[in-house]
Amino acid sequence: MLACLLFAHSSMAARPSRCDSVVTRKEVRDLSSSEWKIVSDTIARMQELGWFTYFASLHEIYFPVVHGQSQFLPFHRRLIRHFEMVGQRINPEFALPYWNEFPDYRNPAKSKVLTDRLLGGNGQGGDKCVMDGVQANWTMHYPSDHCLRRDFDRGDAIQAWHSTEFIQSVIQRSDTMAVFRESIENSQHGMAHLGIRGDMVSRHSANDFIFMLHHAFVDRIWAVWQDDGHESTFDGPGPNEPNMTKDSRIMFFNESVESVLSLGRGLMCYEYEDPEEGSDLLAKRAGASSALAALPNDVLCRWYPQTCSEVAVAGDTSAVPRTETDGLVDPQSQLPMPAEISDDFARMHGFNVDEVRRMNAMAKQFVTEMNAAGYRPKH
């Protein structure tokens, strides 16, 4: 079946032109009550029409060829845009929100996003069925009829995910798509799936609307990396080729990678609004953060090479002020150790298990060195 569907959807590649208009993707907590009603009503109608079954099955069918290599980011960008465009057929005002996971990274289970007002919380009862939130009491139909399930990895809690600081370090240390994709897919991307579990840890994870908001967040991280001098950067292995290029085709959609590289062009008629709540280092490069610039030189240059270069050019004393309120003596607690990507999850996605273990160890080294250097995060 997979072989029959690999290029089932055909489209001629063309240089993307600018969109006549774009929709704005907002952080889900920043939506007004009327905006959230549009979202909730639209996805309820999509469920009635069978679209959640369609997206869950599509994701599962293509799962082996869109994870663990450079298809990952363009495929999922195109997939969630497809979801958004379907929603816009139902209500032209529909825009896919994203979940800014950084303010919640210490214990995501306590996030306002995972409450009855928005996406709902952990599953209940022996089957771990979701009983509250926008998908309360939904029956999912793929791969067979079942309640939407969530089963947090620490009972009623979720182990810590990655901090803004770590992802900003990934952005600064990644010069190629191959490095950036692997670093994001094997860290922040995997954390949400493994932490929420239930349907989210399966190949049909698109049953859960969290999937769409989470991948919009991952897509926003990619967009930030692109804005940092990598808009046209694309490389790395694909399922059928040793090194993908902008001319490579996106699985299922049979559109060029180039067609999704630029937001506001072609079918990518959307933009991201920075979140209102909490510090968001992704809204601007971490080079502007004096807390990071005040790190010891060896730690700074290892984890933040761009900021290191900026400080070296401008001079330590004049480039970035070092004040006692800029993070080094902030009274809040240290960075927590993040969860690990498990071997089973790595194998399911076709990841190199040894490489995933190396990245788990690197993430722990980052936290250890930052804490030992006296860094104190604001969240």
Protein backbone atom coordinates (compact mmCIF):
# COMPACT_ATOMS: atom_id res chain seq x y z
CA MET A 1 0.00 0.00 0.00
CA LEU A 2 2.86 2.35 0.87
CA ALA A 3 4.47 1.85 -2.53
CA CYS A 4 1.21 2.73 -4.27
CA LEU A 5 0.80 5.96 -2.31
CA LEU A 6 4.35 7.35 -2.23
CA PHE A 7 3.56 9.91 -4.90
CA ALA A 8 -0.22 9.66 -5.00
CA HIS A 9 -0.79 13.40 -4.96
CA SER A 10 0.74 15.12 -7.98
CA SER A 11 1.65 18.74 -8.45
CA MET A 12 3.96 20.53 -10.85
CA ALA A 13 6.88 22.20 -9.11
CA ALA A 14 7.07 25.93 -9.65
CA ARG A 15 8.90 28.87 -8.14
CA PRO A 16 6.61 30.03 -5.34
CA SER A 17 5.04 33.46 -5.76
CA ARG A 18 4.03 35.68 -2.87
CA CYS A 19 0.66 34.98 -1.29
CA ASP A 20 -2.07 37.57 -1.77
CA SER A 21 -2.87 37.22 1.93
CA VAL A 22 -1.62 35.21 4.88
CA VAL A 23 -3.20 33.89 8.05
CA THR A 24 -1.53 34.48 11.39
CA ARG A 25 -0.81 31.49 13.58
CA LYS A 26 -1.02 32.56 17.22
CA GLU A 27 0.05 30.86 20.40
CA VAL A 28 -3.05 28.99 21.55
CA ARG A 29 -3.26 30.85 24.89
CA ASP A 30 -3.28 34.16 23.03
CA LEU A 31 -6.47 33.38 21.11
CA SER A 32 -9.57 35.37 22.03
CA SER A 33 -12.68 33.43 23.02
CA SER A 34 -14.17 34.03 19.57
CA GLU A 35 -10.97 32.87 17.85
CA TRP A 36 -10.86 29.72 19.97
CA LYS A 37 -14.52 29.05 19.14
CA ILE A 38 -13.63 29.13 15.43
CA VAL A 39 -10.88 26.60 16.08
CA SER A 40 -12.99 24.28 18.23
CA ASP A 41 -16.04 24.41 15.94
CA THR A 42 -13.90 23.82 12.87
CA ILE A 43 -12.06 20.78 14.17
CA ALA A 44 -15.33 19.32 15.49
CA ARG A 45 -16.73 19.55 11.96
CA MET A 46 -13.52 18.04 10.56
CA GLN A 47 -13.98 15.10 12.92
CA GLU A 48 -17.58 14.64 11.74
CA LEU A 49 -16.44 14.64 8.11
CA GLY A 50 -13.70 12.07 8.72
CA TRP A 51 -10.70 14.34 8.34
CA PHE A 52 -9.00 13.22 11.57
CA THR A 53 -9.18 9.64 10.29
CA TYR A 54 -7.67 10.82 7.02
CA PHE A 55 -4.74 12.65 8.64
CA ALA A 56 -4.07 9.86 11.17
CA SER A 57 -3.97 7.24 8.42
CA LEU A 58 -1.87 9.45 6.15
CA HIS A 59 0.69 9.99 8.87
CA GLU A 60 0.85 6.29 9.68
CA ILE A 61 1.18 5.19 6.04
CA TYR A 62 4.05 7.56 5.37
CA PHE A 63 5.62 7.22 8.82
CA PRO A 64 8.63 5.09 7.74
CA VAL A 65 9.72 7.53 5.01
CA VAL A 66 9.18 10.92 6.69
CA HIS A 67 11.05 10.40 9.97
CA GLY A 68 14.73 10.02 10.71
CA GLN A 69 15.87 11.87 7.59
CA SER A 70 15.41 15.16 5.76
CA GLN A 71 11.83 14.55 4.65
CA PHE A 72 10.80 15.20 8.25
CA LEU A 73 10.51 19.00 8.32
CA PRO A 74 9.13 19.69 4.81
CA PHE A 75 6.64 16.82 5.02
CA HIS A 76 5.24 17.94 8.36
CA ARG A 77 5.18 21.62 7.31
CA ARG A 78 3.13 20.60 4.28
CA LEU A 79 0.97 18.21 6.32
CA ILE A 80 -0.12 20.74 8.93
CA ARG A 81 -0.69 23.34 6.20
CA HIS A 82 -2.90 20.75 4.46
CA PHE A 83 -4.83 20.39 7.74
CA GLU A 84 -5.14 24.18 8.01
CA MET A 85 -6.36 24.50 4.42
CA VAL A 86 -9.01 21.83 4.99
CA GLY A 87 -10.17 23.78 8.04
CA GLN A 88 -10.34 26.93 5.94
CA ARG A 89 -12.76 25.21 3.57
CA ILE A 90 -15.09 24.85 6.54
CA ASN A 91 -14.41 28.32 7.93
CA PRO A 92 -12.19 30.73 5.96
CA GLU A 93 -11.18 32.40 9.25
CA PHE A 94 -9.63 29.23 10.62
CA ALA A 95 -5.91 29.46 11.47
CA LEU A 96 -3.93 26.69 13.13
CA PRO A 97 -2.60 27.80 16.53
CA TYR A 98 0.68 26.58 17.97
CA TRP A 99 1.66 25.58 21.49
CA ASN A 100 4.71 27.50 22.73
CA GLU A 101 6.03 24.71 24.92
CA PHE A 102 8.96 26.60 26.43
CA PRO A 103 7.18 28.30 29.38
CA ASP A 104 5.82 24.84 30.33
CA TYR A 105 8.99 22.78 29.93
CA ARG A 106 9.55 22.03 33.65
CA ASN A 107 6.25 20.14 33.97
CA PRO A 108 4.13 20.39 30.83
CA ALA A 109 1.21 18.65 32.60
CA LYS A 110 0.64 21.89 34.55
CA SER A 111 0.28 23.96 31.39
CA LYS A 112 -2.91 25.95 30.85
CA VAL A 113 -2.91 24.41 27.37
CA LEU A 114 -3.68 21.01 28.92
CA THR A 115 -6.84 22.13 30.71
CA ASP A 116 -10.54 21.84 29.99
CA ARG A 117 -10.64 25.33 28.45
CA LEU A 118 -8.23 24.33 25.67
CA LEU A 119 -6.83 20.92 24.73
CA GLY A 120 -7.77 18.93 27.80
CA GLY A 121 -5.55 16.93 30.10
CA ASN A 122 -4.51 13.40 30.86
CA GLY A 123 -6.66 10.41 29.98
CA GLN A 124 -8.91 8.93 32.66
CA GLY A 125 -9.90 5.39 33.65
CA GLY A 126 -8.38 2.12 32.57
CA ASP A 127 -8.42 3.07 28.88
CA LYS A 128 -6.93 6.55 29.58
CA CYS A 129 -9.70 8.27 27.63
CA VAL A 130 -9.59 12.07 27.26
CA MET A 131 -12.64 13.43 29.10
CA ASP A 132 -12.14 17.19 28.92
CA GLY A 133 -11.00 19.88 26.54
CA VAL A 134 -11.75 20.40 22.87
CA GLN A 135 -11.66 16.66 22.08
CA ALA A 136 -13.55 15.51 25.19
CA ASN A 137 -15.17 12.09 24.73
CA TRP A 138 -14.21 11.84 21.06
CA THR A 139 -14.27 8.44 19.39
CA MET A 140 -11.40 8.11 16.95
CA HIS A 141 -11.84 5.77 14.02
CA TYR A 142 -8.28 4.99 13.01
CA PRO A 143 -6.88 2.38 13.08
CA SER A 144 -10.10 1.15 14.73
CA ASP A 145 -12.75 2.73 16.92
CA HIS A 146 -11.34 3.85 20.27
CA CYS A 147 -11.47 6.80 22.61
CA LEU A 148 -8.78 9.45 22.18
CA ARG A 149 -6.09 8.38 24.65
CA ARG A 150 -3.45 10.21 26.66
CA ASP A 151 -1.26 8.60 29.30
CA PHE A 152 1.29 11.02 30.75
CA ASP A 153 4.73 9.51 31.27
CA ARG A 154 4.88 10.33 35.01
CA GLY A 155 1.31 9.55 36.03
CA ASP A 156 -0.31 12.96 36.43
CA ALA A 157 2.98 14.70 35.61
CA ILE A 158 5.21 14.88 32.55
CA GLN A 159 8.98 14.76 32.77
CA ALA A 160 10.78 17.96 31.81
CA TRP A 161 11.21 18.84 28.14
CA HIS A 162 13.95 21.01 26.65
CA SER A 163 14.37 24.65 27.59
CA THR A 164 14.41 27.62 25.25
CA GLU A 165 18.12 27.89 26.00
CA PHE A 166 18.87 24.42 24.67
CA ILE A 167 16.90 24.88 21.45
CA GLN A 168 18.53 28.27 20.89
CA SER A 169 21.87 26.50 21.27
CA VAL A 170 20.77 24.00 18.60
CA ILE A 171 19.88 26.91 16.30
CA GLN A 172 23.28 28.51 16.78
CA ARG A 173 25.26 25.27 16.40
CA SER A 174 23.47 23.96 13.26
CA ASP A 175 24.91 24.96 9.90
CA THR A 176 23.22 22.26 7.80
CA MET A 177 19.70 20.90 7.54
CA ALA A 178 21.01 17.42 8.35
CA VAL A 179 22.37 18.61 11.71
CA PHE A 180 19.44 20.89 12.52
CA ARG A 181 16.76 18.33 11.62
CA GLU A 182 18.37 15.56 13.65
CA SER A 183 18.88 17.85 16.64
CA ILE A 184 15.23 18.98 16.67
CA GLU A 185 13.58 15.70 15.72
CA ASN A 186 15.56 13.80 18.36
CA SER A 187 14.89 16.34 21.10
CA GLN A 188 11.93 18.72 21.34
CA HIS A 189 9.89 16.85 18.74
CA GLY A 190 10.20 13.51 20.49
CA MET A 191 9.64 14.94 23.97
CA ALA A 192 5.98 15.83 23.42
CA HIS A 193 5.12 12.50 21.85
CA LEU A 194 6.82 10.55 24.64
CA GLY A 195 5.51 12.77 27.42
CA ILE A 196 1.82 12.80 26.43
CA ARG A 197 1.76 9.21 25.13
CA GLY A 198 -1.55 7.50 24.33
CA ASP A 199 -2.38 8.20 20.68
CA MET A 200 0.49 10.72 20.57
CA VAL A 201 3.14 8.00 20.94
CA SER A 202 1.71 5.92 18.09
CA ARG A 203 2.16 6.18 14.35
CA HIS A 204 -1.40 7.52 14.13
CA SER A 205 -0.55 10.38 16.50
CA ALA A 206 -2.42 12.87 14.29
CA ASN A 207 -5.64 11.65 15.98
CA ASP A 208 -4.76 14.06 18.79
CA PHE A 209 -5.14 17.76 17.98
CA ILE A 210 -2.06 18.32 20.17
CA PHE A 211 -0.12 16.77 17.26
CA MET A 212 -1.02 19.71 15.03
CA LEU A 213 -0.14 22.38 17.60
CA HIS A 214 3.08 20.61 18.52
CA HIS A 215 4.19 20.32 14.92
CA ALA A 216 3.28 23.96 14.32
CA PHE A 217 5.66 24.75 17.19
CA VAL A 218 8.38 22.59 15.63
CA ASP A 219 7.69 24.33 12.32
CA ARG A 220 8.09 27.72 14.01
CA ILE A 221 11.49 26.63 15.35
CA TRP A 222 12.47 25.71 11.80
CA ALA A 223 11.26 29.12 10.58
CA VAL A 224 13.42 30.85 13.22
CA TRP A 225 16.46 28.85 12.10
CA GLN A 226 15.66 29.80 8.49
CA ASP A 227 15.48 33.48 9.46
CA ASP A 228 18.93 33.11 11.00
CA GLY A 229 20.54 32.80 7.57
CA HIS A 230 19.22 29.41 6.48
CA GLU A 231 16.08 30.16 4.46
CA SER A 232 17.36 28.21 1.46
CA THR A 233 19.45 25.66 3.35
CA PHE A 234 18.42 22.13 2.52
CA ASP A 235 20.45 18.93 2.49
CA GLY A 236 20.70 15.56 4.18
CA PRO A 237 19.63 12.03 3.32
CA GLY A 238 16.15 11.12 2.11
CA PRO A 239 14.37 7.77 1.81
CA ASN A 240 15.31 7.35 -1.85
CA GLU A 241 18.38 9.56 -2.24
CA PRO A 242 21.65 10.07 -0.34
CA ASN A 243 21.35 13.86 -0.28
CA MET A 244 18.11 15.78 -0.71
CA THR A 245 18.00 19.18 -2.40
CA LYS A 246 15.42 21.91 -2.90
CA ASP A 247 14.32 20.03 -6.04
CA SER A 248 13.57 16.82 -4.14
CA ARG A 249 9.92 15.83 -3.88
CA ILE A 250 7.94 15.82 -0.65
CA MET A 251 6.39 12.44 0.04
CA PHE A 252 2.68 12.08 -0.80
CA PHE A 253 2.32 15.67 -2.00
CA ASN A 254 4.86 15.26 -4.83
CA GLU A 255 5.74 18.94 -4.55
CA SER A 256 9.29 20.26 -4.44
CA VAL A 257 10.97 21.01 -1.14
CA GLU A 258 11.49 24.52 -2.49
CA SER A 259 7.71 25.01 -2.54
CA VAL A 260 7.58 24.98 1.28
CA LEU A 261 10.83 26.73 2.19
CA SER A 262 9.47 30.30 2.27
CA LEU A 263 6.56 31.28 4.49
CA GLY A 264 4.21 33.68 2.72
CA ARG A 265 4.87 32.11 -0.69
CA GLY A 266 3.14 29.46 -2.75
CA LEU A 267 0.73 27.52 -0.55
CA MET A 268 2.57 28.47 2.64
CA CYS A 269 0.25 31.43 3.21
CA TYR A 270 0.78 31.86 6.93
CA GLU A 271 3.03 33.58 9.44
CA TYR A 272 3.77 33.13 13.14
CA GLU A 273 2.95 35.70 15.78
CA ASP A 274 5.33 35.80 18.73
CA PRO A 275 3.70 34.69 21.99
CA GLU A 276 2.50 37.29 24.47
CA GLU A 277 3.20 35.33 27.65
CA GLY A 278 6.66 34.59 28.97
CA SER A 279 10.17 35.07 27.69
CA ASP A 280 10.64 33.88 24.14
CA LEU A 281 14.26 33.85 23.05
CA LEU A 282 13.14 32.48 19.69
CA ALA A 283 11.49 35.81 18.93
CA LYS A 284 15.02 37.16 18.52
CA ARG A 285 18.43 35.57 18.37
CA ALA A 286 20.01 34.65 21.67
CA GLY A 287 22.91 36.94 20.85
CA ALA A 288 20.80 39.70 22.39
CA SER A 289 20.70 37.92 25.76
CA SER A 290 23.16 39.32 28.25
CA ALA A 291 22.52 36.32 30.53
CA LEU A 292 24.00 34.05 27.89
CA ALA A 293 26.80 36.44 26.97
CA ALA A 294 27.88 36.52 30.61
CA LEU A 295 28.59 32.79 30.66
CA PRO A 296 32.22 31.66 31.06
CA ASN A 297 33.96 31.85 27.72
CA ASP A 298 34.43 28.08 27.27
CA VAL A 299 30.75 27.35 27.98
CA LEU A 300 29.53 30.26 25.87
CA CYS A 301 31.64 29.34 22.83
CA ARG A 302 30.82 25.63 23.01
CA TRP A 303 27.05 26.06 23.15
CA TYR A 304 26.45 29.51 21.62
CA PRO A 305 29.08 30.08 18.90
CA GLN A 306 27.23 33.02 17.32
CA THR A 307 26.91 34.87 20.61
CA CYS A 308 30.54 34.00 21.36
CA SER A 309 31.63 35.61 18.08
CA GLU A 310 29.56 38.72 18.72
CA VAL A 311 31.04 39.17 22.19
CA ALA A 312 34.55 38.62 20.84
CA VAL A 313 34.08 41.24 18.12
CA ALA A 314 32.50 43.86 20.37
CA GLY A 315 34.58 43.15 23.46
CA ASP A 316 33.37 41.58 26.72
CA THR A 317 32.82 44.82 28.58
CA SER A 318 31.09 46.83 25.88
CA ALA A 319 29.15 44.28 23.82
CA VAL A 320 26.71 43.03 26.43
CA PRO A 321 26.23 44.36 29.94
CA ARG A 322 26.68 41.89 32.79
CA THR A 323 24.22 42.81 35.50
CA GLU A 324 22.99 40.90 38.51
CA THR A 325 19.45 40.80 37.14
CA ASP A 326 20.41 39.28 33.81
CA GLY A 327 20.25 35.63 34.80
CA LEU A 328 23.45 34.60 36.55
CA VAL A 329 22.07 35.32 40.01
CA ASP A 330 18.38 35.03 39.22
CA PRO A 331 16.67 33.48 42.26
CA GLN A 332 14.81 30.87 40.23
CA SER A 333 15.94 27.29 40.13
CA GLN A 334 18.43 25.70 37.79
CA LEU A 335 17.72 24.13 34.43
CA PRO A 336 16.13 20.69 34.98
CA MET A 337 17.42 17.54 33.34
CA PRO A 338 15.22 16.82 30.31
CA ALA A 339 13.62 13.50 29.51
CA GLU A 340 15.48 11.13 27.23
CA ILE A 341 14.40 9.83 23.84
CA SER A 342 13.97 6.11 24.44
CA ASP A 343 15.53 3.37 22.34
CA ASP A 344 12.06 2.04 21.46
CA PHE A 345 10.91 5.45 20.22
CA ALA A 346 14.13 5.79 18.22
CA ARG A 347 13.67 2.41 16.56
CA MET A 348 10.01 3.11 15.77
CA HIS A 349 11.07 6.28 13.92
CA GLY A 350 14.02 4.71 12.16
CA PHE A 351 16.54 6.79 14.11
CA ASN A 352 20.11 5.69 14.64
CA VAL A 353 19.90 4.49 18.25
CA ASP A 354 23.56 5.19 19.01
CA GLU A 355 23.17 8.73 17.67
CA VAL A 356 20.06 9.28 19.80
CA ARG A 357 21.93 8.10 22.87
CA ARG A 358 24.75 10.50 22.02
CA MET A 359 22.28 13.37 21.74
CA ASN A 360 20.63 12.42 25.05
CA ALA A 361 24.06 12.59 26.68
CA MET A 362 24.83 15.92 24.98
CA ALA A 363 21.58 17.43 26.29
CA LYS A 364 22.52 16.37 29.82
CA GLN A 365 26.00 17.81 29.37
CA PHE A 366 24.44 21.12 28.31
CA VAL A 367 22.31 21.30 31.46
CA THR A 368 25.20 20.25 33.70
CA GLU A 369 27.57 22.87 32.27
CA MET A 370 24.99 25.66 32.30
CA ASN A 371 24.06 24.98 35.91
CA ALA A 372 27.70 24.67 36.98
CA ALA A 373 28.38 28.03 35.31
CA GLY A 374 25.76 29.63 37.55
CA TYR A 375 23.21 30.26 34.82
CA ARG A 376 19.69 30.75 36.14
CA PRO A 377 16.79 30.68 33.69
CA LYS A 378 13.85 33.03 33.98
CA HIS A 379 11.44 30.09 33.59
